[in-house]
Protein backbone atom coordinates (compact mmCIF):
# COMPACT_ATOMS: atom_id res chain seq x y z
CA UNK A 1 -7.66 -27.54 21.76
CA UNK A 2 -4.42 -25.57 21.86
CA UNK A 3 -1.21 -26.69 23.49
CA UNK A 4 -0.56 -23.59 25.55
CA UNK A 5 1.94 -23.55 28.38
CA UNK A 6 1.80 -21.31 31.41
CA UNK A 7 4.71 -19.05 32.27
CA UNK A 8 5.62 -21.41 35.13
CA UNK A 9 5.68 -24.43 32.81
CA UNK A 10 7.80 -22.46 30.33
CA UNK A 11 10.29 -21.55 33.09
CA UNK A 12 10.56 -25.21 34.07
CA UNK A 13 11.21 -26.20 30.43
CA UNK A 14 13.99 -23.61 30.22
CA UNK A 15 15.40 -24.82 33.55
CA UNK A 16 15.48 -28.42 32.33
CA UNK A 17 17.32 -27.35 29.18
CA UNK A 18 19.86 -25.39 31.25
CA UNK A 19 20.38 -28.30 33.67
CA UNK A 20 21.26 -30.67 30.82
CA UNK A 21 24.37 -28.56 30.20
CA UNK A 22 25.17 -27.47 33.76
CA UNK A 23 26.74 -29.77 36.34
CA UNK A 24 28.31 -28.83 39.65
CA UNK A 25 30.98 -31.04 41.16
CA UNK A 26 32.99 -31.09 44.38
CA UNK A 27 35.64 -28.69 43.03
CA UNK A 28 33.06 -26.29 41.50
CA UNK A 29 29.54 -26.77 42.93
CA UNK A 30 26.38 -25.22 41.48
CA UNK A 31 24.79 -22.05 42.86
CA UNK A 32 21.08 -22.49 42.22
CA UNK A 33 18.67 -19.56 42.52
CA UNK A 34 14.92 -19.75 43.01
CA UNK A 35 12.71 -16.71 43.34
CA UNK A 36 9.11 -16.52 44.39
CA UNK A 37 6.97 -13.42 44.72
CA UNK A 38 7.82 -12.98 48.40
CA UNK A 39 11.28 -14.53 48.78
CA UNK A 40 14.53 -15.42 47.03
CA UNK A 41 16.52 -18.57 47.76
CA UNK A 42 20.08 -19.57 46.95
CA UNK A 43 21.67 -23.00 47.36
CA UNK A 44 25.15 -24.30 46.65
CA UNK A 45 24.77 -27.91 45.53
CA UNK A 46 27.27 -30.69 44.82
CA UNK A 47 25.58 -32.60 41.99
CA UNK A 48 27.93 -35.60 42.23
CA UNK A 49 26.53 -36.46 45.67
CA UNK A 50 23.20 -34.64 45.35
CA UNK A 51 23.79 -32.75 48.60
CA UNK A 52 23.07 -29.12 49.41
CA UNK A 53 26.26 -27.71 50.90
CA UNK A 54 25.11 -24.18 51.73
CA UNK A 55 21.74 -22.43 51.62
CA UNK A 56 20.49 -18.92 52.32
CA UNK A 57 17.12 -17.29 51.80
CA UNK A 58 15.00 -14.36 52.82
CA UNK A 59 12.59 -16.81 54.46
CA UNK A 60 15.15 -17.60 57.19
CA UNK A 61 14.57 -16.08 60.59
CA UNK A 62 18.19 -14.88 60.64
CA UNK A 63 17.75 -12.95 57.37
CA UNK A 64 17.86 -9.27 58.17
CA UNK A 65 15.52 -8.10 55.43
CA UNK A 66 12.11 -6.55 55.85
CA UNK A 67 10.77 -7.50 52.42
CA UNK A 68 12.17 -10.57 50.66
CA UNK A 69 10.82 -9.81 47.20
CA UNK A 70 13.04 -6.93 46.13
CA UNK A 71 16.53 -6.26 44.77
CA UNK A 72 17.92 -5.15 48.15
CA UNK A 73 16.95 -8.50 49.66
CA UNK A 74 18.53 -10.36 46.73
CA UNK A 75 21.79 -8.46 47.26
CA UNK A 76 21.75 -9.35 50.96
CA UNK A 77 21.23 -13.04 50.19
CA UNK A 78 23.99 -12.97 47.55
CA UNK A 79 26.42 -11.55 50.08
CA UNK A 80 25.32 -14.02 52.75
CA UNK A 81 25.68 -17.07 50.51
CA UNK A 82 29.14 -15.91 49.39
CA UNK A 83 30.21 -15.37 53.00
CA UNK A 84 29.04 -18.86 53.99
CA UNK A 85 30.69 -20.41 50.92
CA UNK A 86 34.04 -18.77 51.60
CA UNK A 87 33.88 -20.00 55.22
CA UNK A 88 33.44 -23.55 53.86
CA UNK A 89 36.37 -23.10 51.47
CA UNK A 90 34.30 -22.80 48.29
CA UNK A 91 35.73 -20.11 46.02
CA UNK A 92 34.23 -21.00 42.61
CA UNK A 93 30.71 -22.02 41.65
CA UNK A 94 28.67 -22.62 38.50
CA UNK A 95 25.70 -20.24 38.36
CA UNK A 96 22.26 -21.78 37.71
CA UNK A 97 19.63 -19.10 37.16
CA UNK A 98 16.81 -21.63 37.47
CA UNK A 99 15.08 -20.78 34.21
CA UNK A 100 14.61 -17.16 35.22
CA UNK A 101 15.92 -14.35 33.03
CA UNK A 102 19.25 -12.94 34.14
CA UNK A 103 18.02 -9.54 35.30
CA UNK A 104 16.47 -7.96 38.36
CA UNK A 105 16.69 -10.02 41.54
CA UNK A 106 18.57 -12.93 39.94
CA UNK A 107 21.25 -10.61 38.56
CA UNK A 108 21.45 -8.69 41.86
CA UNK A 109 22.07 -11.92 43.79
CA UNK A 110 24.80 -13.01 41.35
CA UNK A 111 26.51 -9.59 41.35
CA UNK A 112 26.45 -9.39 45.15
CA UNK A 113 27.98 -12.88 45.41
CA UNK A 114 30.74 -11.82 42.98
CA UNK A 115 31.45 -8.64 44.93
CA UNK A 116 31.66 -10.63 48.17
CA UNK A 117 34.45 -12.78 46.70
CA UNK A 118 32.72 -15.75 45.08
CA UNK A 119 33.81 -16.54 41.52
CA UNK A 120 30.87 -17.36 39.23
């Protein structure tokens, strides 16, 4: 009867619209963020080859966070992804918020990555 979209479908529509404009290359790859209720994930992706260069998440066994669904965990993942990127020689990235609003855990991850030396 009505053409109603769920919040998940709406987020995916926003993400598609963002991805039309955003492209990460070898000199400036894309930092993509995904958040679920329990975890937060970050990936640095080279879109020209379609390869994930670096990834970090609270779901990893090596992640030293008790609860993955809070701002403290997002800050830890932001710092970790920046540390791994700098080790690989990546200094600049394009930030892809994944259709999520830029606040809370997404903003905390981005700010922590900036503070750790990654240029967004």
